[in-house]
């Protein structure tokens, strides 16, 4: 687990100033600064069968936005380009796990 640190990029050194950024571990490339990645959002469950307009709207527009641990989609955009899942505590930006999802989806919630 890594704790978030804010690095003032206007200075020429890497002294931590506060707690805003964090390190995310790419399953292929290893630990990298979060600025190398694209956050795509929390893992959601697609409605099955013939969903109502309300169910579709909820799926597309609404998120749980939990204050705590949630599963999220990330892409290593400036590295290998791999899409992967991360479990992250949104209160502290502590990353608990990163993994490449099994073929066919993100798996059980």
PDB file of N, CA and C in Angstrom:
ATOM      1  N   UNK A   1       0.833  -1.176   0.000  1.00  0.00           N
ATOM      2  CA  UNK A   1       0.000   0.000   0.000  1.00  0.00           C
ATOM      3  C   UNK A   1       0.879   1.241   0.000  1.00  0.00           C
ATOM      4  N   UNK A   2       0.490   2.196  -0.821  1.00  0.00           N
ATOM      5  CA  UNK A   2       1.248   3.439  -0.900  1.00  0.00           C
ATOM      6  C   UNK A   2       0.343   4.597  -0.527  1.00  0.00           C
ATOM      7  N   UNK A   3       0.870   5.520   0.224  1.00  0.00           N
ATOM      8  CA  UNK A   3       0.114   6.693   0.641  1.00  0.00           C
ATOM      9  C   UNK A   3       0.332   7.812  -0.362  1.00  0.00           C
ATOM     10  N   UNK A   4      -0.696   8.584  -0.595  1.00  0.00           N
ATOM     11  CA  UNK A   4      -0.635   9.666  -1.565  1.00  0.00           C
ATOM     12  C   UNK A   4       0.307  10.768  -1.099  1.00  0.00           C
ATOM     13  N   UNK A   5       1.027  11.351  -2.048  1.00  0.00           N
ATOM     14  CA  UNK A   5       1.872  12.505  -1.751  1.00  0.00           C
ATOM     15  C   UNK A   5       1.740  13.508  -2.886  1.00  0.00           C
ATOM     16  N   UNK A   6       1.688  14.774  -2.536  1.00  0.00           N
ATOM     17  CA  UNK A   6       1.639  15.836  -3.523  1.00  0.00           C
ATOM     18  C   UNK A   6       3.052  16.350  -3.734  1.00  0.00           C
ATOM     19  N   UNK A   7       3.486  16.386  -4.959  1.00  0.00           N
ATOM     20  CA  UNK A   7       4.807  16.921  -5.284  1.00  0.00           C
ATOM     21  C   UNK A   7       4.600  18.229  -6.033  1.00  0.00           C
ATOM     22  N   UNK A   8       5.197  19.288  -5.539  1.00  0.00           N
ATOM     23  CA  UNK A   8       5.088  20.603  -6.180  1.00  0.00           C
ATOM     24  C   UNK A   8       5.946  20.582  -7.441  1.00  0.00           C
ATOM     25  N   UNK A   9       5.318  20.475  -8.601  1.00  0.00           N
ATOM     26  CA  UNK A   9       6.036  20.331  -9.861  1.00  0.00           C
ATOM     27  C   UNK A   9       6.642  21.660 -10.348  1.00  0.00           C
ATOM     28  N   UNK A  10       6.360  22.753  -9.668  1.00  0.00           N
ATOM     29  CA  UNK A  10       6.967  24.019 -10.053  1.00  0.00           C
ATOM     30  C   UNK A  10       8.374  24.148  -9.478  1.00  0.00           C
ATOM     31  N   UNK A  11       8.706  23.285  -8.511  1.00  0.00           N
ATOM     32  CA  UNK A  11      10.047  23.290  -7.937  1.00  0.00           C
ATOM     33  C   UNK A  11      10.901  22.262  -8.663  1.00  0.00           C
ATOM     34  N   UNK A  12      12.189  22.365  -8.510  1.00  0.00           N
ATOM     35  CA  UNK A  12      13.107  21.456  -9.194  1.00  0.00           C
ATOM     36  C   UNK A  12      13.452  20.216  -8.392  1.00  0.00           C
ATOM     37  N   UNK A  13      12.857  20.046  -7.236  1.00  0.00           N
ATOM     38  CA  UNK A  13      13.137  18.850  -6.444  1.00  0.00           C
ATOM     39  C   UNK A  13      11.842  18.061  -6.251  1.00  0.00           C
ATOM     40  N   UNK A  14      11.950  16.919  -5.606  1.00  0.00           N
ATOM     41  CA  UNK A  14      10.796  16.055  -5.417  1.00  0.00           C
ATOM     42  C   UNK A  14      10.342  16.008  -3.957  1.00  0.00           C
ATOM     43  N   UNK A  15      10.524  17.082  -3.245  1.00  0.00           N
ATOM     44  CA  UNK A  15      10.088  17.091  -1.856  1.00  0.00           C
ATOM     45  C   UNK A  15       8.569  17.087  -1.781  1.00  0.00           C
ATOM     46  N   UNK A  16       8.032  16.224  -0.945  1.00  0.00           N
ATOM     47  CA  UNK A  16       6.580  16.142  -0.782  1.00  0.00           C
ATOM     48  C   UNK A  16       6.085  17.377  -0.036  1.00  0.00           C
ATOM     49  N   UNK A  17       5.016  17.979  -0.528  1.00  0.00           N
ATOM     50  CA  UNK A  17       4.465  19.189   0.068  1.00  0.00           C
ATOM     51  C   UNK A  17       3.183  18.879   0.828  1.00  0.00           C
ATOM     52  N   UNK A  18       2.325  18.059   0.262  1.00  0.00           N
ATOM     53  CA  UNK A  18       1.052  17.710   0.877  1.00  0.00           C
ATOM     54  C   UNK A  18       0.696  16.299   0.464  1.00  0.00           C
ATOM     55  N   UNK A  19      -0.591  16.050   0.329  1.00  0.00           N
ATOM     56  CA  UNK A  19      -1.019  14.717  -0.084  1.00  0.00           C
ATOM     57  C   UNK A  19      -2.079  14.834  -1.168  1.00  0.00           C
ATOM     58  N   UNK A  20      -1.652  14.906  -2.445  1.00  0.00           N
ATOM     59  CA  UNK A  20      -2.599  15.038  -3.541  1.00  0.00           C
ATOM     60  C   UNK A  20      -2.420  13.969  -4.620  1.00  0.00           C
ATOM     61  N   UNK A  21      -1.211  13.569  -4.936  1.00  0.00           N
ATOM     62  CA  UNK A  21      -0.975  12.593  -5.983  1.00  0.00           C
ATOM     63  C   UNK A  21      -0.614  11.254  -5.350  1.00  0.00           C
ATOM     64  N   UNK A  22      -0.529  10.214  -6.158  1.00  0.00           N
ATOM     65  CA  UNK A  22      -0.163   8.920  -5.613  1.00  0.00           C
ATOM     66  C   UNK A  22       0.484   8.068  -6.688  1.00  0.00           C
ATOM     67  N   UNK A  23       1.065   6.977  -6.244  1.00  0.00           N
ATOM     68  CA  UNK A  23       1.710   6.036  -7.149  1.00  0.00           C
ATOM     69  C   UNK A  23       0.744   4.896  -7.410  1.00  0.00           C
ATOM     70  N   UNK A  24       0.592   4.538  -8.684  1.00  0.00           N
ATOM     71  CA  UNK A  24      -0.280   3.447  -9.090  1.00  0.00           C
ATOM     72  C   UNK A  24       0.596   2.386  -9.735  1.00  0.00           C
ATOM     73  N   UNK A  25       0.353   1.131  -9.407  1.00  0.00           N
ATOM     74  CA  UNK A  25       1.184   0.060  -9.945  1.00  0.00           C
ATOM     75  C   UNK A  25       0.516  -0.558 -11.167  1.00  0.00           C
ATOM     76  N   UNK A  26       1.145  -0.377 -12.328  1.00  0.00           N
ATOM     77  CA  UNK A  26       0.670  -1.013 -13.550  1.00  0.00           C
ATOM     78  C   UNK A  26       1.008  -2.502 -13.456  1.00  0.00           C
ATOM     79  N   UNK A  27       0.061  -3.401 -13.765  1.00  0.00           N
ATOM     80  CA  UNK A  27       0.358  -4.832 -13.719  1.00  0.00           C
ATOM     81  C   UNK A  27       1.493  -5.241 -14.669  1.00  0.00           C
ATOM     82  N   UNK A  28       1.727  -4.466 -15.735  1.00  0.00           N
ATOM     83  CA  UNK A  28       2.804  -4.776 -16.684  1.00  0.00           C
ATOM     84  C   UNK A  28       4.103  -4.050 -16.371  1.00  0.00           C
ATOM     85  N   UNK A  29       4.023  -2.774 -16.030  1.00  0.00           N
ATOM     86  CA  UNK A  29       5.214  -1.915 -15.950  1.00  0.00           C
ATOM     87  C   UNK A  29       5.697  -1.636 -14.529  1.00  0.00           C
ATOM     88  N   UNK A  30       4.894  -1.942 -13.535  1.00  0.00           N
ATOM     89  CA  UNK A  30       5.281  -1.669 -12.152  1.00  0.00           C
ATOM     90  C   UNK A  30       4.815  -0.294 -11.689  1.00  0.00           C
ATOM     91  N   UNK A  31       5.309   0.169 -10.542  1.00  0.00           N
ATOM     92  CA  UNK A  31       4.868   1.433  -9.946  1.00  0.00           C
ATOM     93  C   UNK A  31       5.209   2.641 -10.824  1.00  0.00           C
ATOM     94  N   UNK A  32       4.218   3.514 -11.004  1.00  0.00           N
ATOM     95  CA  UNK A  32       4.394   4.738 -11.788  1.00  0.00           C
ATOM     96  C   UNK A  32       3.559   5.858 -11.153  1.00  0.00           C
ATOM     97  N   UNK A  33       3.934   7.093 -11.458  1.00  0.00           N
ATOM     98  CA  UNK A  33       3.160   8.253 -11.014  1.00  0.00           C
ATOM     99  C   UNK A  33       1.772   8.196 -11.639  1.00  0.00           C
ATOM    100  N   UNK A  34       0.764   8.575 -10.885  1.00  0.00           N
ATOM    101  CA  UNK A  34      -0.616   8.489 -11.352  1.00  0.00           C
ATOM    102  C   UNK A  34      -0.872   9.338 -12.608  1.00  0.00           C
ATOM    103  N   UNK A  35      -0.021  10.336 -12.854  1.00  0.00           N
ATOM    104  CA  UNK A  35      -0.202  11.178 -14.034  1.00  0.00           C
ATOM    105  C   UNK A  35       0.047  10.431 -15.339  1.00  0.00           C
ATOM    106  N   UNK A  36       0.608   9.224 -15.280  1.00  0.00           N
ATOM    107  CA  UNK A  36       0.796   8.406 -16.477  1.00  0.00           C
ATOM    108  C   UNK A  36      -0.466   7.638 -16.860  1.00  0.00           C
ATOM    109  N   UNK A  37      -1.483   7.681 -16.007  1.00  0.00           N
ATOM    110  CA  UNK A  37      -2.680   6.863 -16.194  1.00  0.00           C
ATOM    111  C   UNK A  37      -3.915   7.704 -16.494  1.00  0.00           C
ATOM    112  N   UNK A  38      -4.914   7.044 -17.068  1.00  0.00           N
ATOM    113  CA  UNK A  38      -6.227   7.661 -17.264  1.00  0.00           C
ATOM    114  C   UNK A  38      -7.225   6.918 -16.397  1.00  0.00           C
ATOM    115  N   UNK A  39      -7.928   7.654 -15.551  1.00  0.00           N
ATOM    116  CA  UNK A  39      -8.989   7.092 -14.717  1.00  0.00           C
ATOM    117  C   UNK A  39     -10.252   7.016 -15.557  1.00  0.00           C
ATOM    118  N   UNK A  40     -10.880   5.850 -15.623  1.00  0.00           N
ATOM    119  CA  UNK A  40     -12.087   5.704 -16.431  1.00  0.00           C
ATOM    120  C   UNK A  40     -13.346   5.594 -15.587  1.00  0.00           C
ATOM    121  N   UNK A  41     -13.223   5.414 -14.297  1.00  0.00           N
ATOM    122  CA  UNK A  41     -14.404   5.376 -13.444  1.00  0.00           C
ATOM    123  C   UNK A  41     -14.514   4.083 -12.667  1.00  0.00           C
ATOM    124  N   UNK A  42     -15.489   4.071 -11.777  1.00  0.00           N
ATOM    125  CA  UNK A  42     -15.678   2.882 -10.949  1.00  0.00           C
ATOM    126  C   UNK A  42     -16.288   1.748 -11.765  1.00  0.00           C
ATOM    127  N   UNK A  43     -16.063   0.538 -11.310  1.00  0.00           N
ATOM    128  CA  UNK A  43     -16.628  -0.633 -11.976  1.00  0.00           C
ATOM    129  C   UNK A  43     -18.130  -0.653 -11.714  1.00  0.00           C
ATOM    130  N   UNK A  44     -18.905  -0.780 -12.763  1.00  0.00           N
ATOM    131  CA  UNK A  44     -20.358  -0.825 -12.651  1.00  0.00           C
ATOM    132  C   UNK A  44     -20.878  -2.124 -13.258  1.00  0.00           C
ATOM    133  N   UNK A  45     -22.128  -2.427 -12.996  1.00  0.00           N
ATOM    134  CA  UNK A  45     -22.759  -3.624 -13.540  1.00  0.00           C
ATOM    135  C   UNK A  45     -23.770  -3.208 -14.596  1.00  0.00           C
ATOM    136  N   UNK A  46     -23.591  -3.707 -15.805  1.00  0.00           N
ATOM    137  CA  UNK A  46     -24.486  -3.399 -16.918  1.00  0.00           C
ATOM    138  C   UNK A  46     -25.843  -4.054 -16.688  1.00  0.00           C
ATOM    139  N   UNK A  47     -26.953  -3.322 -16.938  1.00  0.00           N
ATOM    140  CA  UNK A  47     -28.282  -3.923 -16.790  1.00  0.00           C
ATOM    141  C   UNK A  47     -28.447  -5.111 -17.757  1.00  0.00           C
ATOM    142  N   UNK A  48     -29.156  -6.121 -17.319  1.00  0.00           N
ATOM    143  CA  UNK A  48     -29.384  -7.301 -18.159  1.00  0.00           C
ATOM    144  C   UNK A  48     -30.802  -7.306 -18.710  1.00  0.00           C
ATOM    145  N   UNK A  49     -31.023  -8.182 -19.678  1.00  0.00           N
ATOM    146  CA  UNK A  49     -32.358  -8.328 -20.252  1.00  0.00           C
ATOM    147  C   UNK A  49     -32.770  -7.096 -21.035  1.00  0.00           C
ATOM    148  N   UNK A  50     -33.978  -6.654 -20.789  1.00  0.00           N
ATOM    149  CA  UNK A  50     -34.522  -5.465 -21.450  1.00  0.00           C
ATOM    150  C   UNK A  50     -34.714  -4.375 -20.391  1.00  0.00           C
ATOM    151  N   UNK A  51     -33.672  -3.590 -20.125  1.00  0.00           N
ATOM    152  CA  UNK A  51     -33.752  -2.611 -19.035  1.00  0.00           C
ATOM    153  C   UNK A  51     -34.703  -1.459 -19.349  1.00  0.00           C
ATOM    154  N   UNK A  52     -35.237  -0.877 -18.296  1.00  0.00           N
ATOM    155  CA  UNK A  52     -36.100   0.291 -18.439  1.00  0.00           C
ATOM    156  C   UNK A  52     -35.227   1.521 -18.717  1.00  0.00           C
ATOM    157  N   UNK A  53     -35.849   2.601 -19.112  1.00  0.00           N
ATOM    158  CA  UNK A  53     -35.129   3.856 -19.339  1.00  0.00           C
ATOM    159  C   UNK A  53     -34.441   4.318 -18.054  1.00  0.00           C
ATOM    160  N   UNK A  54     -35.114   4.126 -16.931  1.00  0.00           N
ATOM    161  CA  UNK A  54     -34.553   4.507 -15.624  1.00  0.00           C
ATOM    162  C   UNK A  54     -33.290   3.703 -15.321  1.00  0.00           C
ATOM    163  N   UNK A  55     -33.333   2.382 -15.560  1.00  0.00           N
ATOM    164  CA  UNK A  55     -32.162   1.527 -15.314  1.00  0.00           C
ATOM    165  C   UNK A  55     -30.993   1.921 -16.220  1.00  0.00           C
ATOM    166  N   UNK A  56     -31.272   2.231 -17.470  1.00  0.00           N
ATOM    167  CA  UNK A  56     -30.223   2.660 -18.395  1.00  0.00           C
ATOM    168  C   UNK A  56     -29.624   4.000 -17.968  1.00  0.00           C
ATOM    169  N   UNK A  57     -30.488   4.927 -17.563  1.00  0.00           N
ATOM    170  CA  UNK A  57     -30.004   6.233 -17.098  1.00  0.00           C
ATOM    171  C   UNK A  57     -29.133   6.084 -15.857  1.00  0.00           C
ATOM    172  N   UNK A  58     -29.567   5.238 -14.927  1.00  0.00           N
ATOM    173  CA  UNK A  58     -28.775   5.002 -13.714  1.00  0.00           C
ATOM    174  C   UNK A  58     -27.418   4.422 -14.067  1.00  0.00           C
ATOM    175  N   UNK A  59     -27.394   3.482 -15.007  1.00  0.00           N
ATOM    176  CA  UNK A  59     -26.142   2.837 -15.418  1.00  0.00           C
ATOM    177  C   UNK A  59     -25.176   3.829 -16.063  1.00  0.00           C
ATOM    178  N   UNK A  60     -25.703   4.703 -16.908  1.00  0.00           N
ATOM    179  CA  UNK A  60     -24.854   5.632 -17.658  1.00  0.00           C
ATOM    180  C   UNK A  60     -24.423   6.837 -16.824  1.00  0.00           C
ATOM    181  N   UNK A  61     -25.323   7.383 -16.027  1.00  0.00           N
ATOM    182  CA  UNK A  61     -25.056   8.675 -15.394  1.00  0.00           C
ATOM    183  C   UNK A  61     -24.754   8.661 -13.902  1.00  0.00           C
ATOM    184  N   UNK A  62     -25.149   7.641 -13.177  1.00  0.00           N
ATOM    185  CA  UNK A  62     -25.014   7.676 -11.721  1.00  0.00           C
ATOM    186  C   UNK A  62     -23.970   6.685 -11.224  1.00  0.00           C
ATOM    187  N   UNK A  63     -23.191   7.106 -10.254  1.00  0.00           N
ATOM    188  CA  UNK A  63     -22.151   6.277  -9.647  1.00  0.00           C
ATOM    189  C   UNK A  63     -22.333   6.282  -8.135  1.00  0.00           C
ATOM    190  N   UNK A  64     -21.843   5.232  -7.502  1.00  0.00           N
ATOM    191  CA  UNK A  64     -21.957   5.134  -6.039  1.00  0.00           C
ATOM    192  C   UNK A  64     -21.092   6.187  -5.358  1.00  0.00           C
ATOM    193  N   UNK A  65     -19.904   6.490  -5.938  1.00  0.00           N
ATOM    194  CA  UNK A  65     -19.003   7.513  -5.403  1.00  0.00           C
ATOM    195  C   UNK A  65     -18.773   7.324  -3.905  1.00  0.00           C
ATOM    196  N   UNK A  66     -18.344   6.122  -3.538  1.00  0.00           N
ATOM    197  CA  UNK A  66     -18.176   5.781  -2.128  1.00  0.00           C
ATOM    198  C   UNK A  66     -16.992   6.501  -1.504  1.00  0.00           C
ATOM    199  N   UNK A  67     -17.108   6.762  -0.218  1.00  0.00           N
ATOM    200  CA  UNK A  67     -15.985   7.272   0.557  1.00  0.00           C
ATOM    201  C   UNK A  67     -15.367   6.054   1.227  1.00  0.00           C
ATOM    202  N   UNK A  68     -14.460   5.420   0.524  1.00  0.00           N
ATOM    203  CA  UNK A  68     -13.860   4.189   1.018  1.00  0.00           C
ATOM    204  C   UNK A  68     -13.287   3.412  -0.158  1.00  0.00           C
ATOM    205  N   UNK A  69     -13.207   2.106  -0.015  1.00  0.00           N
ATOM    206  CA  UNK A  69     -12.611   1.253  -1.045  1.00  0.00           C
ATOM    207  C   UNK A  69     -13.590   1.032  -2.189  1.00  0.00           C
ATOM    208  N   UNK A  70     -13.117   1.279  -3.408  1.00  0.00           N
ATOM    209  CA  UNK A  70     -13.929   0.984  -4.584  1.00  0.00           C
ATOM    210  C   UNK A  70     -13.041   0.433  -5.696  1.00  0.00           C
ATOM    211  N   UNK A  71     -13.659  -0.361  -6.589  1.00  0.00           N
ATOM    212  CA  UNK A  71     -12.941  -0.908  -7.746  1.00  0.00           C
ATOM    213  C   UNK A  71     -13.101   0.051  -8.909  1.00  0.00           C
ATOM    214  N   UNK A  72     -11.987   0.318  -9.615  1.00  0.00           N
ATOM    215  CA  UNK A  72     -11.976   1.326 -10.674  1.00  0.00           C
ATOM    216  C   UNK A  72     -11.246   0.815 -11.911  1.00  0.00           C
ATOM    217  N   UNK A  73     -11.630   1.350 -13.064  1.00  0.00           N
ATOM    218  CA  UNK A  73     -10.935   1.088 -14.321  1.00  0.00           C
ATOM    219  C   UNK A  73      -9.862   2.144 -14.517  1.00  0.00           C
ATOM    220  N   UNK A  74      -8.647   1.718 -14.906  1.00  0.00           N
ATOM    221  CA  UNK A  74      -7.537   2.602 -15.214  1.00  0.00           C
ATOM    222  C   UNK A  74      -6.861   2.131 -16.493  1.00  0.00           C
ATOM    223  N   UNK A  75      -6.230   3.064 -17.215  1.00  0.00           N
ATOM    224  CA  UNK A  75      -5.463   2.738 -18.415  1.00  0.00           C
ATOM    225  C   UNK A  75      -4.086   3.395 -18.290  1.00  0.00           C
ATOM    226  N   UNK A  76      -3.041   2.625 -18.577  1.00  0.00           N
ATOM    227  CA  UNK A  76      -1.679   3.173 -18.543  1.00  0.00           C
ATOM    228  C   UNK A  76      -1.428   3.876 -19.878  1.00  0.00           C
ATOM    229  N   UNK A  77      -1.907   5.093 -19.997  1.00  0.00           N
ATOM    230  CA  UNK A  77      -1.945   5.811 -21.275  1.00  0.00           C
ATOM    231  C   UNK A  77      -0.577   6.222 -21.806  1.00  0.00           C
ATOM    232  N   UNK A  78       0.396   6.520 -20.946  1.00  0.00           N
ATOM    233  CA  UNK A  78       1.717   6.923 -21.442  1.00  0.00           C
ATOM    234  C   UNK A  78       2.731   5.787 -21.355  1.00  0.00           C
ATOM    235  N   UNK A  79       2.246   4.610 -21.034  1.00  0.00           N
ATOM    236  CA  UNK A  79       3.124   3.449 -20.926  1.00  0.00           C
ATOM    237  C   UNK A  79       2.684   2.365 -21.894  1.00  0.00           C
ATOM    238  N   UNK A  80       2.319   1.224 -21.355  1.00  0.00           N
ATOM    239  CA  UNK A  80       2.009   0.048 -22.166  1.00  0.00           C
ATOM    240  C   UNK A  80       0.606   0.073 -22.768  1.00  0.00           C
ATOM    241  N   UNK A  81      -0.274   0.983 -22.319  1.00  0.00           N
ATOM    242  CA  UNK A  81      -1.630   1.070 -22.853  1.00  0.00           C
ATOM    243  C   UNK A  81      -2.590   0.042 -22.260  1.00  0.00           C
ATOM    244  N   UNK A  82      -2.156  -0.703 -21.255  1.00  0.00           N
ATOM    245  CA  UNK A  82      -2.964  -1.764 -20.641  1.00  0.00           C
ATOM    246  C   UNK A  82      -4.119  -1.187 -19.826  1.00  0.00           C
ATOM    247  N   UNK A  83      -5.324  -1.754 -20.024  1.00  0.00           N
ATOM    248  CA  UNK A  83      -6.462  -1.456 -19.156  1.00  0.00           C
ATOM    249  C   UNK A  83      -6.414  -2.433 -17.992  1.00  0.00           C
ATOM    250  N   UNK A  84      -6.676  -1.939 -16.774  1.00  0.00           N
ATOM    251  CA  UNK A  84      -6.653  -2.817 -15.610  1.00  0.00           C
ATOM    252  C   UNK A  84      -7.589  -2.286 -14.536  1.00  0.00           C
ATOM    253  N   UNK A  85      -7.798  -3.114 -13.518  1.00  0.00           N
ATOM    254  CA  UNK A  85      -8.640  -2.760 -12.381  1.00  0.00           C
ATOM    255  C   UNK A  85      -7.760  -2.413 -11.189  1.00  0.00           C
ATOM    256  N   UNK A  86      -8.208  -1.443 -10.419  1.00  0.00           N
ATOM    257  CA  UNK A  86      -7.509  -1.087  -9.182  1.00  0.00           C
ATOM    258  C   UNK A  86      -8.530  -1.003  -8.067  1.00  0.00           C
ATOM    259  N   UNK A  87      -8.155  -1.480  -6.899  1.00  0.00           N
ATOM    260  CA  UNK A  87      -8.940  -1.253  -5.697  1.00  0.00           C
ATOM    261  C   UNK A  87      -8.253  -0.132  -4.959  1.00  0.00           C
ATOM    262  N   UNK A  88      -8.984   0.957  -4.752  1.00  0.00           N
ATOM    263  CA  UNK A  88      -8.389   2.163  -4.162  1.00  0.00           C
ATOM    264  C   UNK A  88      -9.309   2.715  -3.095  1.00  0.00           C
ATOM    265  N   UNK A  89      -8.719   3.158  -1.995  1.00  0.00           N
ATOM    266  CA  UNK A  89      -9.478   3.834  -0.954  1.00  0.00           C
ATOM    267  C   UNK A  89      -9.559   5.305  -1.353  1.00  0.00           C
ATOM    268  N   UNK A  90     -10.750   5.771  -1.659  1.00  0.00           N
ATOM    269  CA  UNK A  90     -10.929   7.129  -2.170  1.00  0.00           C
ATOM    270  C   UNK A  90     -10.686   8.199  -1.106  1.00  0.00           C
ATOM    271  N   UNK A  91     -10.683   7.818   0.162  1.00  0.00           N
ATOM    272  CA  UNK A  91     -10.429   8.801   1.223  1.00  0.00           C
ATOM    273  C   UNK A  91      -8.949   9.135   1.341  1.00  0.00           C
ATOM    274  N   UNK A  92      -8.080   8.143   1.064  1.00  0.00           N
ATOM    275  CA  UNK A  92      -6.649   8.329   1.274  1.00  0.00           C
ATOM    276  C   UNK A  92      -5.824   8.139   0.002  1.00  0.00           C
ATOM    277  N   UNK A  93      -6.472   7.705  -1.086  1.00  0.00           N
ATOM    278  CA  UNK A  93      -5.802   7.343  -2.343  1.00  0.00           C
ATOM    279  C   UNK A  93      -4.842   6.171  -2.172  1.00  0.00           C
ATOM    280  N   UNK A  94      -5.030   5.378  -1.152  1.00  0.00           N
ATOM    281  CA  UNK A  94      -4.222   4.187  -0.950  1.00  0.00           C
ATOM    282  C   UNK A  94      -4.688   3.118  -1.935  1.00  0.00           C
ATOM    283  N   UNK A  95      -3.757   2.621  -2.747  1.00  0.00           N
ATOM    284  CA  UNK A  95      -4.089   1.580  -3.723  1.00  0.00           C
ATOM    285  C   UNK A  95      -3.840   0.229  -3.067  1.00  0.00           C
ATOM    286  N   UNK A  96      -4.899  -0.580  -2.953  1.00  0.00           N
ATOM    287  CA  UNK A  96      -4.800  -1.873  -2.282  1.00  0.00           C
ATOM    288  C   UNK A  96      -4.378  -2.981  -3.230  1.00  0.00           C
ATOM    289  N   UNK A  97      -4.815  -2.890  -4.499  1.00  0.00           N
ATOM    290  CA  UNK A  97      -4.515  -3.946  -5.462  1.00  0.00           C
ATOM    291  C   UNK A  97      -4.712  -3.412  -6.879  1.00  0.00           C
ATOM    292  N   UNK A  98      -3.904  -3.902  -7.808  1.00  0.00           N
ATOM    293  CA  UNK A  98      -4.141  -3.682  -9.230  1.00  0.00           C
ATOM    294  C   UNK A  98      -4.033  -5.033  -9.916  1.00  0.00           C
ATOM    295  N   UNK A  99      -4.874  -5.241 -10.937  1.00  0.00           N
ATOM    296  CA  UNK A  99      -4.841  -6.512 -11.655  1.00  0.00           C
ATOM    297  C   UNK A  99      -5.480  -6.355 -13.025  1.00  0.00           C
ATOM    298  N   UNK A 100      -5.070  -7.223 -13.925  1.00  0.00           N
ATOM    299  CA  UNK A 100      -5.679  -7.288 -15.245  1.00  0.00           C
ATOM    300  C   UNK A 100      -6.927  -8.152 -15.113  1.00  0.00           C
ATOM    301  N   UNK A 101      -8.089  -7.680 -15.576  1.00  0.00           N
ATOM    302  CA  UNK A 101      -9.317  -8.464 -15.419  1.00  0.00           C
ATOM    303  C   UNK A 101      -9.288  -9.731 -16.272  1.00  0.00           C
ATOM    304  N   UNK A 102     -10.012 -10.717 -15.833  1.00  0.00           N
ATOM    305  CA  UNK A 102     -10.159 -11.953 -16.614  1.00  0.00           C
ATOM    306  C   UNK A 102     -10.919 -11.643 -17.895  1.00  0.00           C
ATOM    307  N   UNK A 103     -10.686 -12.400 -18.959  1.00  0.00           N
ATOM    308  CA  UNK A 103     -11.443 -12.184 -20.184  1.00  0.00           C
ATOM    309  C   UNK A 103     -12.947 -12.266 -19.920  1.00  0.00           C
ATOM    310  N   UNK A 104     -13.681 -11.331 -20.492  1.00  0.00           N
ATOM    311  CA  UNK A 104     -15.126 -11.327 -20.316  1.00  0.00           C
ATOM    312  C   UNK A 104     -15.632 -10.330 -19.299  1.00  0.00           C
ATOM    313  N   UNK A 105     -14.762  -9.549 -18.686  1.00  0.00           N
ATOM    314  CA  UNK A 105     -15.268  -8.515 -17.786  1.00  0.00           C
ATOM    315  C   UNK A 105     -14.445  -8.318 -16.550  1.00  0.00           C
ATOM    316  N   UNK A 106     -15.009  -7.526 -15.641  1.00  0.00           N
ATOM    317  CA  UNK A 106     -14.327  -7.138 -14.427  1.00  0.00           C
ATOM    318  C   UNK A 106     -14.490  -8.156 -13.315  1.00  0.00           C
ATOM    319  N   UNK A 107     -15.334  -9.151 -13.517  1.00  0.00           N
ATOM    320  CA  UNK A 107     -15.527 -10.180 -12.501  1.00  0.00           C
ATOM    321  C   UNK A 107     -16.574  -9.778 -11.492  1.00  0.00           C
ATOM    322  N   UNK A 108     -16.774 -10.623 -10.482  1.00  0.00           N
ATOM    323  CA  UNK A 108     -17.805 -10.340  -9.479  1.00  0.00           C
ATOM    324  C   UNK A 108     -17.436  -9.130  -8.645  1.00  0.00           C
ATOM    325  N   UNK A 109     -18.451  -8.461  -8.156  1.00  0.00           N
ATOM    326  CA  UNK A 109     -18.215  -7.272  -7.332  1.00  0.00           C
ATOM    327  C   UNK A 109     -17.935  -7.615  -5.907  1.00  0.00           C
TER     328      UNK A 109
END
